[in-house]
């Protein structure tokens, strides 16, 4: 007996009928740029407010196709004109990534420093994030947390309407901070090491004219006039 559930009848002539085995449909070959409109995001350009297109990463496209949700954590902070000022927050982000509680952990700044909050959101979206939890890296929920941050999130929702956002509390009065304060109090720095920000600025120097150390003896790339240039710090 011929099982017709997995066969199809194809007439080759009026007098002949051929049974042809059905084969599983093959997926179309991958082509760069295929379904481009479905894999693009709108990412604000720095300083202009105009929009440019950015493709999703391969992982993000696969997760989206499979309907898999992914949560990202964005550490939101103020930012600084001083080069290297984000070194401490970058270290916190690296520790959180190592813990693995969030598949994506990024840093986004409100002003001056990079990446900006918008850039951090765009990076999470490109990696496949469908939900972003924003953690304000502030001790208290002051003006920047209660007024400025909601404006950034409002714009991000317009740029990425398929992402949901939630905001965590500022660090506040968590009693676990007391241990960190006591550890610092037990290890006071010598007078010559108080300005650790100068060392971090040198390590993260970008030769930005708006940096307070630019064209001063403490700038490793653009020192003050008549000051011997020091090796650049990469």
N, C-alpha and C. Protein backbone atom coordinates (compact mmCIF):
# COMPACT_ATOMS: atom_id res chain seq x y z
N UNK A 1 0.86 -1.20 0.00
CA UNK A 1 0.00 0.00 0.00
C UNK A 1 0.89 1.24 0.00
N UNK A 2 0.52 2.20 -0.78
CA UNK A 2 1.30 3.44 -0.86
C UNK A 2 0.70 4.46 0.11
N UNK A 3 1.53 4.97 0.95
CA UNK A 3 1.10 5.99 1.89
C UNK A 3 1.13 7.34 1.18
N UNK A 4 -0.04 7.93 0.97
CA UNK A 4 -0.11 9.19 0.23
C UNK A 4 0.05 10.40 1.14
N UNK A 5 0.22 10.15 2.45
CA UNK A 5 0.34 11.30 3.37
C UNK A 5 1.61 12.07 3.12
N UNK A 6 2.63 11.37 2.63
CA UNK A 6 3.92 12.03 2.44
C UNK A 6 4.33 12.01 0.97
N UNK A 7 3.34 11.93 0.10
CA UNK A 7 3.62 11.92 -1.34
C UNK A 7 2.69 12.88 -2.02
N UNK A 8 3.04 13.22 -3.26
CA UNK A 8 2.15 14.05 -4.05
C UNK A 8 2.05 13.45 -5.44
N UNK A 9 0.90 13.59 -6.08
CA UNK A 9 0.67 13.08 -7.41
C UNK A 9 0.99 14.17 -8.42
N UNK A 10 1.82 13.85 -9.37
CA UNK A 10 2.17 14.80 -10.40
C UNK A 10 1.92 14.14 -11.76
N UNK A 11 1.04 14.70 -12.59
CA UNK A 11 0.74 14.16 -13.92
C UNK A 11 1.79 14.62 -14.90
N UNK A 12 2.46 13.63 -15.52
CA UNK A 12 3.47 13.97 -16.53
C UNK A 12 2.89 13.92 -17.93
N UNK A 13 1.80 13.25 -18.08
CA UNK A 13 1.07 13.23 -19.34
C UNK A 13 -0.33 12.76 -19.03
N UNK A 14 -1.15 12.70 -20.04
CA UNK A 14 -2.51 12.25 -19.80
C UNK A 14 -2.60 10.79 -19.41
N UNK A 15 -1.59 10.02 -19.79
CA UNK A 15 -1.64 8.58 -19.54
C UNK A 15 -0.70 8.11 -18.46
N UNK A 16 0.13 9.02 -17.92
CA UNK A 16 1.11 8.60 -16.91
C UNK A 16 0.95 9.44 -15.66
N UNK A 17 1.07 8.80 -14.52
CA UNK A 17 1.06 9.48 -13.23
C UNK A 17 2.27 9.02 -12.46
N UNK A 18 3.06 9.96 -11.97
CA UNK A 18 4.27 9.64 -11.24
C UNK A 18 4.10 10.06 -9.79
N UNK A 19 4.46 9.14 -8.88
CA UNK A 19 4.45 9.45 -7.46
C UNK A 19 5.80 10.01 -7.07
N UNK A 20 5.79 11.20 -6.49
CA UNK A 20 7.04 11.85 -6.11
C UNK A 20 7.07 12.08 -4.61
N UNK A 21 8.18 11.62 -4.02
CA UNK A 21 8.36 11.77 -2.57
C UNK A 21 8.50 13.25 -2.22
N UNK A 22 7.76 13.70 -1.21
CA UNK A 22 7.90 15.08 -0.77
C UNK A 22 9.14 15.23 0.09
N UNK A 23 9.83 16.27 -0.12
CA UNK A 23 11.01 16.56 0.70
C UNK A 23 10.73 17.78 1.56
N UNK A 24 11.41 17.84 2.70
CA UNK A 24 11.22 18.98 3.60
C UNK A 24 11.70 20.25 2.92
N UNK A 25 10.95 21.33 3.02
CA UNK A 25 11.39 22.57 2.38
C UNK A 25 12.71 23.06 2.96
N UNK A 26 13.60 23.50 2.08
CA UNK A 26 14.89 24.01 2.53
C UNK A 26 14.77 25.50 2.82
N UNK A 27 15.41 25.94 3.89
CA UNK A 27 15.36 27.37 4.18
C UNK A 27 16.13 28.14 3.13
N UNK A 28 15.71 29.36 2.82
CA UNK A 28 16.45 30.15 1.82
C UNK A 28 17.85 30.44 2.32
N UNK A 29 18.81 30.52 1.41
CA UNK A 29 20.18 30.82 1.83
C UNK A 29 20.28 32.19 2.45
N UNK A 30 21.20 32.31 3.42
CA UNK A 30 21.39 33.60 4.09
C UNK A 30 22.02 34.60 3.12
N UNK A 31 21.42 35.78 3.08
CA UNK A 31 21.97 36.84 2.24
C UNK A 31 22.11 38.08 3.10
N UNK A 32 23.28 38.68 3.05
CA UNK A 32 23.49 39.91 3.82
C UNK A 32 22.50 40.96 3.34
N UNK A 33 21.84 41.58 4.26
CA UNK A 33 20.89 42.62 3.92
C UNK A 33 19.48 42.13 3.74
N UNK A 34 19.25 40.77 3.79
CA UNK A 34 17.90 40.25 3.62
C UNK A 34 17.02 40.70 4.78
N UNK A 35 15.78 40.98 4.48
CA UNK A 35 14.83 41.48 5.49
C UNK A 35 15.43 42.68 6.25
N UNK A 36 16.06 43.53 5.50
CA UNK A 36 16.78 44.64 6.13
C UNK A 36 15.88 45.51 6.99
N UNK A 37 14.68 45.73 6.50
CA UNK A 37 13.80 46.63 7.23
C UNK A 37 13.44 46.08 8.60
N UNK A 38 13.44 44.74 8.74
CA UNK A 38 13.06 44.13 10.03
C UNK A 38 14.22 44.08 11.00
N UNK A 39 15.42 44.31 10.52
CA UNK A 39 16.59 44.16 11.38
C UNK A 39 17.28 45.48 11.66
N UNK A 40 16.60 46.59 11.45
CA UNK A 40 17.22 47.88 11.64
C UNK A 40 16.64 48.58 12.86
N UNK A 41 17.46 49.39 13.46
CA UNK A 41 17.02 50.23 14.57
C UNK A 41 17.25 51.67 14.20
N UNK A 42 16.63 52.54 14.93
CA UNK A 42 16.93 53.96 14.79
C UNK A 42 17.78 54.36 15.96
N UNK A 43 18.95 54.92 15.69
CA UNK A 43 19.90 55.30 16.73
C UNK A 43 20.22 56.76 16.57
N UNK A 44 20.01 57.58 17.59
CA UNK A 44 20.28 59.00 17.45
C UNK A 44 21.75 59.27 17.17
N UNK A 45 22.02 60.18 16.28
CA UNK A 45 23.39 60.61 16.05
C UNK A 45 23.79 61.60 17.12
N UNK A 46 25.02 61.50 17.54
CA UNK A 46 25.50 62.39 18.59
C UNK A 46 25.48 63.83 18.09
N UNK A 47 24.99 64.74 18.92
CA UNK A 47 25.02 66.18 18.75
C UNK A 47 24.06 66.70 17.69
N UNK A 48 23.48 65.87 16.85
CA UNK A 48 22.63 66.37 15.79
C UNK A 48 21.17 66.06 16.01
N UNK A 49 20.87 64.97 16.72
CA UNK A 49 19.49 64.58 16.91
C UNK A 49 18.91 63.88 15.71
N UNK A 50 19.65 63.81 14.60
CA UNK A 50 19.16 63.10 13.44
C UNK A 50 19.26 61.60 13.67
N UNK A 51 18.62 60.84 12.81
CA UNK A 51 18.53 59.40 13.00
C UNK A 51 19.34 58.69 11.93
N UNK A 52 20.09 57.68 12.34
CA UNK A 52 20.77 56.82 11.39
C UNK A 52 20.34 55.39 11.67
N UNK A 53 20.52 54.52 10.71
CA UNK A 53 20.09 53.15 10.81
C UNK A 53 21.23 52.27 11.28
N UNK A 54 20.90 51.30 12.12
CA UNK A 54 21.91 50.36 12.61
C UNK A 54 21.33 48.96 12.57
N UNK A 55 22.05 48.01 11.96
CA UNK A 55 21.55 46.66 11.84
C UNK A 55 21.60 45.93 13.18
N UNK A 56 20.66 45.03 13.35
CA UNK A 56 20.71 44.15 14.50
C UNK A 56 21.86 43.18 14.35
N UNK A 57 22.39 42.71 15.46
CA UNK A 57 23.40 41.66 15.40
C UNK A 57 22.73 40.34 15.03
N UNK A 58 23.54 39.38 14.61
CA UNK A 58 23.00 38.08 14.23
C UNK A 58 22.27 37.43 15.40
N UNK A 59 22.85 37.53 16.61
CA UNK A 59 22.21 36.95 17.79
C UNK A 59 20.88 37.61 18.05
N UNK A 60 20.83 38.93 17.97
CA UNK A 60 19.59 39.64 18.22
C UNK A 60 18.51 39.25 17.23
N UNK A 61 18.88 39.07 15.96
CA UNK A 61 17.90 38.68 14.95
C UNK A 61 17.35 37.28 15.22
N UNK A 62 18.23 36.36 15.62
CA UNK A 62 17.79 34.99 15.91
C UNK A 62 16.84 34.97 17.10
N UNK A 63 17.20 35.70 18.17
CA UNK A 63 16.35 35.71 19.36
C UNK A 63 15.00 36.33 19.05
N UNK A 64 15.01 37.39 18.25
CA UNK A 64 13.76 38.03 17.91
C UNK A 64 12.87 37.08 17.10
N UNK A 65 13.46 36.35 16.16
CA UNK A 65 12.70 35.43 15.33
C UNK A 65 12.09 34.31 16.16
N UNK A 66 12.80 33.88 17.18
CA UNK A 66 12.31 32.79 18.03
C UNK A 66 11.40 33.27 19.15
N UNK A 67 11.23 34.57 19.26
CA UNK A 67 10.37 35.11 20.30
C UNK A 67 10.96 35.00 21.68
N UNK A 68 12.28 34.99 21.78
CA UNK A 68 12.96 34.88 23.08
C UNK A 68 13.18 36.27 23.65
N UNK A 69 12.82 36.46 24.91
CA UNK A 69 13.02 37.75 25.56
C UNK A 69 14.38 37.78 26.24
N UNK A 70 14.98 38.94 26.29
CA UNK A 70 16.27 39.10 26.95
C UNK A 70 16.26 40.42 27.72
N UNK A 71 16.71 40.35 28.96
CA UNK A 71 16.74 41.54 29.80
C UNK A 71 18.17 42.06 29.90
N UNK A 72 18.31 43.35 29.76
CA UNK A 72 19.61 44.01 29.89
C UNK A 72 19.59 44.95 31.09
N UNK A 73 20.76 45.20 31.63
CA UNK A 73 20.92 46.15 32.73
C UNK A 73 21.79 47.30 32.26
N UNK A 74 21.29 48.52 32.41
CA UNK A 74 22.06 49.70 32.04
C UNK A 74 22.31 50.53 33.30
N UNK A 75 23.58 50.75 33.59
CA UNK A 75 23.96 51.60 34.72
C UNK A 75 24.00 53.04 34.23
N UNK A 76 23.12 53.86 34.78
CA UNK A 76 22.98 55.25 34.33
C UNK A 76 23.70 56.17 35.30
N UNK A 77 24.60 56.98 34.76
CA UNK A 77 25.35 57.91 35.61
C UNK A 77 25.46 59.26 34.91
N UNK A 78 26.00 60.25 35.65
CA UNK A 78 26.02 61.62 35.14
C UNK A 78 27.03 61.81 34.02
N UNK A 79 28.25 61.34 34.22
CA UNK A 79 29.31 61.60 33.25
C UNK A 79 30.18 62.77 33.71
N UNK A 80 31.33 62.91 33.06
CA UNK A 80 32.29 63.94 33.48
C UNK A 80 33.12 64.38 32.28
N UNK A 81 33.57 65.64 32.34
CA UNK A 81 34.50 66.13 31.33
C UNK A 81 35.89 65.53 31.50
N UNK A 82 36.19 65.04 32.67
CA UNK A 82 37.51 64.50 32.95
C UNK A 82 37.68 63.14 32.30
N UNK A 83 38.70 63.01 31.47
CA UNK A 83 38.97 61.72 30.83
C UNK A 83 39.21 60.66 31.91
N UNK A 84 38.74 59.46 31.64
CA UNK A 84 38.96 58.37 32.58
C UNK A 84 38.06 58.37 33.79
N UNK A 85 37.11 59.33 33.85
CA UNK A 85 36.25 59.41 35.03
C UNK A 85 35.32 58.21 35.17
N UNK A 86 35.08 57.50 34.07
CA UNK A 86 34.17 56.36 34.13
C UNK A 86 34.84 55.05 34.47
N UNK A 87 36.10 55.10 34.87
CA UNK A 87 36.85 53.87 35.14
C UNK A 87 36.20 53.03 36.25
N UNK A 88 35.74 53.68 37.31
CA UNK A 88 35.14 52.95 38.43
C UNK A 88 33.83 52.28 38.01
N UNK A 89 32.99 53.01 37.27
CA UNK A 89 31.71 52.44 36.86
C UNK A 89 31.92 51.31 35.86
N UNK A 90 32.91 51.44 35.00
CA UNK A 90 33.23 50.35 34.07
C UNK A 90 33.63 49.09 34.84
N UNK A 91 34.36 49.28 35.94
CA UNK A 91 34.77 48.14 36.76
C UNK A 91 33.56 47.47 37.40
N UNK A 92 32.60 48.27 37.88
CA UNK A 92 31.37 47.70 38.44
C UNK A 92 30.61 46.91 37.38
N UNK A 93 30.52 47.46 36.17
CA UNK A 93 29.81 46.78 35.10
C UNK A 93 30.47 45.44 34.77
N UNK A 94 31.80 45.42 34.78
CA UNK A 94 32.52 44.18 34.48
C UNK A 94 32.24 43.12 35.55
N UNK A 95 32.15 43.53 36.81
CA UNK A 95 31.85 42.58 37.88
C UNK A 95 30.43 42.02 37.74
N UNK A 96 29.51 42.89 37.36
CA UNK A 96 28.13 42.42 37.18
C UNK A 96 28.02 41.47 36.00
N UNK A 97 28.76 41.72 34.94
CA UNK A 97 28.77 40.79 33.81
C UNK A 97 29.30 39.43 34.24
N UNK A 98 30.35 39.46 35.06
CA UNK A 98 30.95 38.20 35.51
C UNK A 98 29.98 37.39 36.35
N UNK A 99 29.10 38.04 37.08
CA UNK A 99 28.12 37.31 37.89
C UNK A 99 27.07 36.60 37.04
N UNK A 100 26.79 37.15 35.88
CA UNK A 100 25.91 36.48 34.95
C UNK A 100 24.42 36.57 35.26
N UNK A 101 24.01 37.44 36.17
CA UNK A 101 22.59 37.56 36.48
C UNK A 101 21.82 38.27 35.37
N UNK A 102 22.51 39.11 34.62
CA UNK A 102 21.93 39.76 33.45
C UNK A 102 22.79 39.39 32.25
N UNK A 103 22.17 38.95 31.15
CA UNK A 103 22.96 38.59 29.98
C UNK A 103 23.68 39.77 29.34
N UNK A 104 23.15 40.97 29.57
CA UNK A 104 23.77 42.17 29.03
C UNK A 104 23.88 43.22 30.13
N UNK A 105 25.04 43.81 30.27
CA UNK A 105 25.26 44.90 31.23
C UNK A 105 26.03 45.99 30.52
N UNK A 106 25.46 47.19 30.46
CA UNK A 106 26.11 48.30 29.79
C UNK A 106 26.08 49.53 30.69
N UNK A 107 26.94 50.48 30.37
CA UNK A 107 27.01 51.76 31.08
C UNK A 107 26.53 52.84 30.12
N UNK A 108 25.67 53.74 30.60
CA UNK A 108 25.20 54.85 29.78
C UNK A 108 25.22 56.14 30.57
N UNK A 109 25.80 57.19 29.98
CA UNK A 109 25.97 58.45 30.70
C UNK A 109 24.99 59.51 30.21
N UNK A 110 24.66 60.41 31.12
CA UNK A 110 23.75 61.50 30.83
C UNK A 110 24.45 62.62 30.06
N UNK A 111 25.65 62.97 30.48
CA UNK A 111 26.39 64.07 29.87
C UNK A 111 27.87 63.73 29.73
N UNK A 112 28.51 64.38 28.77
CA UNK A 112 29.97 64.44 28.63
C UNK A 112 30.62 63.10 28.27
N UNK A 113 30.46 62.10 29.11
CA UNK A 113 31.17 60.83 28.90
C UNK A 113 30.45 59.96 27.86
N UNK A 114 31.17 59.00 27.35
CA UNK A 114 30.61 58.01 26.43
C UNK A 114 30.86 56.61 26.97
N UNK A 115 29.94 55.69 26.65
CA UNK A 115 28.77 55.84 25.79
C UNK A 115 27.65 56.61 26.47
N UNK A 116 26.87 57.31 25.67
CA UNK A 116 25.70 57.98 26.19
C UNK A 116 24.62 56.95 26.52
N UNK A 117 23.59 57.40 27.23
CA UNK A 117 22.49 56.49 27.55
C UNK A 117 21.84 55.96 26.28
N UNK A 118 21.66 56.83 25.29
CA UNK A 118 21.06 56.40 24.02
C UNK A 118 21.93 55.36 23.33
N UNK A 119 23.25 55.54 23.37
CA UNK A 119 24.15 54.57 22.75
C UNK A 119 24.10 53.23 23.48
N UNK A 120 24.00 53.28 24.81
CA UNK A 120 23.92 52.04 25.58
C UNK A 120 22.64 51.27 25.26
N UNK A 121 21.53 51.99 25.14
CA UNK A 121 20.26 51.35 24.80
C UNK A 121 20.35 50.73 23.40
N UNK A 122 20.93 51.47 22.46
CA UNK A 122 21.06 50.96 21.09
C UNK A 122 21.92 49.70 21.06
N UNK A 123 22.96 49.66 21.86
CA UNK A 123 23.82 48.49 21.91
C UNK A 123 23.07 47.28 22.47
N UNK A 124 22.29 47.50 23.51
CA UNK A 124 21.50 46.41 24.09
C UNK A 124 20.47 45.91 23.08
N UNK A 125 19.83 46.83 22.38
CA UNK A 125 18.83 46.44 21.38
C UNK A 125 19.46 45.62 20.26
N UNK A 126 20.64 46.04 19.81
CA UNK A 126 21.31 45.32 18.73
C UNK A 126 21.71 43.92 19.16
N UNK A 127 21.94 43.74 20.46
CA UNK A 127 22.33 42.42 20.98
C UNK A 127 21.12 41.53 21.27
N UNK A 128 19.91 42.07 21.10
CA UNK A 128 18.72 41.24 21.28
C UNK A 128 17.89 41.55 22.49
N UNK A 129 18.19 42.62 23.22
CA UNK A 129 17.43 42.94 24.43
C UNK A 129 16.00 43.33 24.09
N UNK A 130 15.06 42.81 24.85
CA UNK A 130 13.66 43.17 24.70
C UNK A 130 13.17 43.96 25.92
N UNK A 131 13.92 43.90 27.00
CA UNK A 131 13.58 44.65 28.21
C UNK A 131 14.88 45.20 28.80
N UNK A 132 14.84 46.45 29.23
CA UNK A 132 16.02 47.08 29.82
C UNK A 132 15.67 47.60 31.21
N UNK A 133 16.45 47.16 32.17
CA UNK A 133 16.31 47.66 33.54
C UNK A 133 17.39 48.72 33.75
N UNK A 134 16.98 49.91 34.12
CA UNK A 134 17.90 51.03 34.29
C UNK A 134 18.19 51.20 35.77
N UNK A 135 19.46 51.17 36.11
CA UNK A 135 19.89 51.36 37.50
C UNK A 135 20.60 52.71 37.62
N UNK A 136 19.98 53.68 38.31
CA UNK A 136 20.65 54.97 38.50
C UNK A 136 21.83 54.83 39.46
N UNK A 137 23.01 55.13 38.97
CA UNK A 137 24.20 55.05 39.80
C UNK A 137 24.37 56.38 40.53
N UNK A 138 23.42 56.64 41.43
CA UNK A 138 23.41 57.86 42.24
C UNK A 138 23.09 57.45 43.67
N UNK A 139 23.62 58.21 44.60
CA UNK A 139 23.40 57.87 46.00
C UNK A 139 21.96 58.16 46.41
N UNK A 140 21.39 59.28 45.93
CA UNK A 140 20.02 59.65 46.27
C UNK A 140 19.26 59.95 44.98
N UNK A 141 17.93 59.77 44.99
CA UNK A 141 17.13 60.06 43.80
C UNK A 141 16.83 61.55 43.69
N UNK A 142 17.84 62.31 43.32
CA UNK A 142 17.68 63.75 43.17
C UNK A 142 17.17 64.14 41.79
N UNK A 143 17.51 65.34 41.37
CA UNK A 143 16.99 65.91 40.12
C UNK A 143 17.32 65.04 38.92
N UNK A 144 18.55 64.55 38.85
CA UNK A 144 18.95 63.78 37.67
C UNK A 144 18.19 62.47 37.55
N UNK A 145 17.80 61.89 38.69
CA UNK A 145 17.07 60.62 38.67
C UNK A 145 15.58 60.85 38.46
N UNK A 146 15.02 61.86 39.10
CA UNK A 146 13.57 62.08 39.04
C UNK A 146 13.12 62.90 37.84
N UNK A 147 14.02 63.70 37.27
CA UNK A 147 13.63 64.59 36.17
C UNK A 147 14.37 64.30 34.87
N UNK A 148 15.70 64.19 34.95
CA UNK A 148 16.48 64.02 33.72
C UNK A 148 16.36 62.61 33.16
N UNK A 149 16.49 61.60 34.01
CA UNK A 149 16.41 60.22 33.54
C UNK A 149 15.09 59.91 32.84
N UNK A 150 13.93 60.31 33.38
CA UNK A 150 12.68 60.04 32.65
C UNK A 150 12.66 60.62 31.24
N UNK A 151 13.32 61.76 31.03
CA UNK A 151 13.37 62.35 29.68
C UNK A 151 14.17 61.45 28.74
N UNK A 152 15.28 60.91 29.23
CA UNK A 152 16.09 60.01 28.40
C UNK A 152 15.31 58.73 28.07
N UNK A 153 14.58 58.22 29.05
CA UNK A 153 13.81 57.00 28.81
C UNK A 153 12.65 57.27 27.85
N UNK A 154 12.04 58.43 27.97
CA UNK A 154 10.96 58.78 27.04
C UNK A 154 11.46 58.79 25.60
N UNK A 155 12.64 59.37 25.38
CA UNK A 155 13.20 59.40 24.04
C UNK A 155 13.57 57.99 23.57
N UNK A 156 14.12 57.19 24.48
CA UNK A 156 14.49 55.82 24.12
C UNK A 156 13.26 55.01 23.73
N UNK A 157 12.15 55.23 24.39
CA UNK A 157 10.92 54.52 24.04
C UNK A 157 10.42 54.92 22.65
N UNK A 158 10.63 56.18 22.29
CA UNK A 158 10.25 56.61 20.94
C UNK A 158 11.16 55.97 19.89
N UNK A 159 12.44 55.88 20.20
CA UNK A 159 13.39 55.31 19.25
C UNK A 159 13.27 53.79 19.14
N UNK A 160 12.92 53.15 20.27
CA UNK A 160 12.83 51.69 20.31
C UNK A 160 11.50 51.28 20.95
N UNK A 161 10.40 51.40 20.23
CA UNK A 161 9.08 51.14 20.83
C UNK A 161 8.86 49.68 21.21
N UNK A 162 9.69 48.78 20.72
CA UNK A 162 9.52 47.36 21.05
C UNK A 162 10.26 46.97 22.32
N UNK A 163 10.94 47.91 22.96
CA UNK A 163 11.64 47.63 24.22
C UNK A 163 10.84 48.19 25.38
N UNK A 164 10.75 47.41 26.46
CA UNK A 164 10.14 47.90 27.68
C UNK A 164 11.24 48.31 28.66
N UNK A 165 10.94 49.30 29.48
CA UNK A 165 11.92 49.83 30.43
C UNK A 165 11.34 49.81 31.84
N UNK A 166 12.20 49.50 32.80
CA UNK A 166 11.88 49.69 34.20
C UNK A 166 13.07 50.38 34.85
N UNK A 167 12.79 51.10 35.92
CA UNK A 167 13.85 51.86 36.61
C UNK A 167 13.97 51.37 38.04
N UNK A 168 15.18 51.04 38.44
CA UNK A 168 15.44 50.60 39.81
C UNK A 168 15.68 51.81 40.71
N UNK A 169 15.73 51.56 42.00
CA UNK A 169 16.01 52.64 42.95
C UNK A 169 17.47 53.07 42.87
N UNK A 170 17.71 54.31 43.25
CA UNK A 170 19.09 54.76 43.44
C UNK A 170 19.69 53.99 44.62
N UNK A 171 21.01 54.12 44.77
CA UNK A 171 21.69 53.33 45.81
C UNK A 171 21.13 53.63 47.20
N UNK A 172 20.83 54.89 47.46
CA UNK A 172 20.11 55.26 48.67
C UNK A 172 20.82 54.90 49.96
N UNK A 173 20.02 54.41 50.92
CA UNK A 173 20.54 54.15 52.27
C UNK A 173 20.71 52.66 52.53
N UNK A 174 20.99 51.91 51.49
CA UNK A 174 21.20 50.46 51.67
C UNK A 174 22.27 50.24 52.74
N UNK A 175 21.91 49.46 53.76
CA UNK A 175 22.82 49.27 54.89
C UNK A 175 24.12 48.58 54.50
N UNK A 176 24.13 47.89 53.35
CA UNK A 176 25.36 47.24 52.92
C UNK A 176 26.43 48.24 52.51
N UNK A 177 26.02 49.49 52.25
CA UNK A 177 27.00 50.53 51.93
C UNK A 177 27.89 50.83 53.14
N UNK A 178 27.39 50.55 54.33
CA UNK A 178 28.18 50.83 55.53
C UNK A 178 29.47 50.03 55.53
N UNK A 179 29.44 48.80 55.04
CA UNK A 179 30.65 47.99 54.99
C UNK A 179 31.70 48.62 54.07
N UNK A 180 31.24 49.12 52.91
CA UNK A 180 32.18 49.77 52.00
C UNK A 180 32.76 51.04 52.62
N UNK A 181 31.92 51.79 53.33
CA UNK A 181 32.41 53.01 53.98
C UNK A 181 33.43 52.69 55.06
N UNK A 182 33.17 51.64 55.83
CA UNK A 182 34.12 51.26 56.88
C UNK A 182 35.44 50.77 56.28
N UNK A 183 35.36 50.02 55.19
CA UNK A 183 36.59 49.56 54.53
C UNK A 183 37.44 50.73 54.06
N UNK A 184 36.79 51.75 53.51
CA UNK A 184 37.53 52.93 53.07
C UNK A 184 38.12 53.68 54.26
N UNK A 185 37.35 53.77 55.33
CA UNK A 185 37.84 54.50 56.51
C UNK A 185 39.03 53.81 57.14
N UNK A 186 39.09 52.47 57.04
CA UNK A 186 40.19 51.73 57.65
C UNK A 186 41.46 51.78 56.82
N UNK A 187 41.35 52.25 55.58
CA UNK A 187 42.53 52.28 54.70
C UNK A 187 42.71 53.68 54.11
N UNK A 188 43.00 54.67 54.95
CA UNK A 188 43.18 56.04 54.45
C UNK A 188 44.39 56.11 53.52
N UNK A 189 44.30 56.99 52.53
CA UNK A 189 45.37 57.14 51.56
C UNK A 189 46.38 58.18 52.03
N UNK A 190 47.64 57.98 51.71
CA UNK A 190 48.64 59.02 51.98
C UNK A 190 48.31 60.28 51.19
N UNK A 191 48.83 61.40 51.63
CA UNK A 191 48.52 62.68 51.00
C UNK A 191 48.82 62.66 49.51
N UNK A 192 49.89 62.02 49.10
CA UNK A 192 50.28 62.04 47.69
C UNK A 192 49.39 61.20 46.80
N UNK A 193 48.52 60.40 47.40
CA UNK A 193 47.65 59.53 46.60
C UNK A 193 46.19 59.99 46.60
N UNK A 194 45.94 61.15 47.16
CA UNK A 194 44.56 61.62 47.20
C UNK A 194 43.99 61.87 45.80
N UNK A 195 44.82 62.34 44.90
CA UNK A 195 44.34 62.66 43.56
C UNK A 195 44.45 61.46 42.64
N UNK A 196 43.77 60.39 42.99
CA UNK A 196 43.77 59.22 42.14
C UNK A 196 43.08 59.46 40.81
N UNK A 197 42.22 60.53 40.75
CA UNK A 197 41.55 60.84 39.49
C UNK A 197 42.54 61.26 38.41
N UNK A 198 43.70 61.78 38.82
CA UNK A 198 44.70 62.17 37.83
C UNK A 198 45.29 60.93 37.16
N UNK A 199 45.49 59.87 37.93
CA UNK A 199 46.02 58.63 37.35
C UNK A 199 45.02 57.99 36.41
N UNK A 200 43.73 57.96 36.82
CA UNK A 200 42.71 57.37 35.96
C UNK A 200 42.51 58.21 34.71
N UNK A 201 42.65 59.53 34.83
CA UNK A 201 42.53 60.40 33.65
C UNK A 201 43.64 60.11 32.66
N UNK A 202 44.84 59.87 33.17
CA UNK A 202 45.97 59.55 32.28
C UNK A 202 45.74 58.23 31.57
N UNK A 203 45.21 57.25 32.29
CA UNK A 203 44.96 55.94 31.67
C UNK A 203 43.88 56.02 30.60
N UNK A 204 42.91 56.88 30.82
CA UNK A 204 41.81 56.99 29.85
C UNK A 204 41.88 58.22 28.99
N UNK A 205 43.05 58.82 28.85
CA UNK A 205 43.19 60.09 28.12
C UNK A 205 42.74 59.95 26.67
N UNK A 206 41.88 60.88 26.25
CA UNK A 206 41.44 60.95 24.86
C UNK A 206 41.84 62.26 24.20
N UNK A 207 42.63 63.03 24.89
CA UNK A 207 43.09 64.33 24.37
C UNK A 207 41.91 65.22 23.99
N UNK A 208 40.91 65.26 24.86
CA UNK A 208 39.73 66.08 24.60
C UNK A 208 39.99 67.51 25.06
N UNK A 209 39.79 68.48 24.20
CA UNK A 209 40.03 69.87 24.60
C UNK A 209 39.16 70.34 25.76
N UNK A 210 37.99 69.70 25.98
CA UNK A 210 37.13 70.13 27.07
C UNK A 210 37.47 69.46 28.40
N UNK A 211 38.47 68.55 28.40
CA UNK A 211 38.90 67.94 29.65
C UNK A 211 39.65 68.97 30.48
N UNK A 212 39.39 69.06 31.78
CA UNK A 212 40.07 70.05 32.63
C UNK A 212 41.60 69.90 32.63
N UNK A 213 42.10 68.72 32.30
CA UNK A 213 43.55 68.51 32.32
C UNK A 213 44.21 68.75 30.96
N UNK A 214 43.42 69.04 29.96
CA UNK A 214 43.96 69.24 28.60
C UNK A 214 44.95 70.40 28.60
N UNK A 215 46.10 70.18 27.97
CA UNK A 215 47.15 71.19 27.85
C UNK A 215 47.66 71.65 29.22
N UNK A 216 47.72 70.70 30.16
CA UNK A 216 48.33 70.95 31.46
C UNK A 216 49.42 69.90 31.66
N UNK A 217 50.29 70.09 32.64
CA UNK A 217 51.33 69.09 32.88
C UNK A 217 50.79 67.69 33.18
N UNK A 218 49.52 67.60 33.58
CA UNK A 218 48.93 66.30 33.91
C UNK A 218 48.30 65.60 32.71
N UNK A 219 48.33 66.22 31.55
CA UNK A 219 47.77 65.60 30.36
C UNK A 219 48.89 64.84 29.63
N UNK A 220 48.76 63.51 29.49
CA UNK A 220 49.84 62.73 28.90
C UNK A 220 49.98 62.90 27.39
N UNK A 221 48.96 63.39 26.72
CA UNK A 221 49.02 63.50 25.26
C UNK A 221 49.22 64.93 24.78
N UNK A 222 48.58 65.86 25.47
CA UNK A 222 48.74 67.27 25.09
C UNK A 222 49.15 68.04 26.34
N UNK A 223 50.41 67.96 26.71
CA UNK A 223 50.86 68.63 27.93
C UNK A 223 50.94 70.15 27.74
N UNK A 224 51.21 70.82 28.83
CA UNK A 224 51.33 72.27 28.77
C UNK A 224 52.51 72.67 27.91
N UNK A 225 52.48 73.86 27.33
CA UNK A 225 53.62 74.32 26.53
C UNK A 225 54.91 74.27 27.34
N UNK A 226 55.96 73.89 26.65
CA UNK A 226 57.30 73.79 27.24
C UNK A 226 57.41 72.67 28.26
N UNK A 227 56.44 71.76 28.25
CA UNK A 227 56.48 70.59 29.12
C UNK A 227 56.77 69.37 28.27
N UNK A 228 57.80 68.60 28.59
CA UNK A 228 58.09 67.41 27.79
C UNK A 228 56.89 66.47 27.73
N UNK A 229 56.59 66.01 26.54
CA UNK A 229 55.46 65.10 26.35
C UNK A 229 55.78 63.75 26.96
N UNK A 230 54.82 63.18 27.64
CA UNK A 230 54.97 61.85 28.22
C UNK A 230 54.39 60.81 27.28
N UNK A 231 54.79 59.57 27.41
CA UNK A 231 54.21 58.52 26.53
C UNK A 231 52.69 58.46 26.70
N UNK A 232 52.00 58.28 25.60
CA UNK A 232 50.54 58.18 25.67
C UNK A 232 50.14 56.90 26.38
N UNK A 233 49.01 56.95 27.02
CA UNK A 233 48.50 55.81 27.77
C UNK A 233 47.33 55.24 27.00
N UNK A 234 47.43 54.01 26.55
CA UNK A 234 46.37 53.37 25.78
C UNK A 234 45.48 52.54 26.70
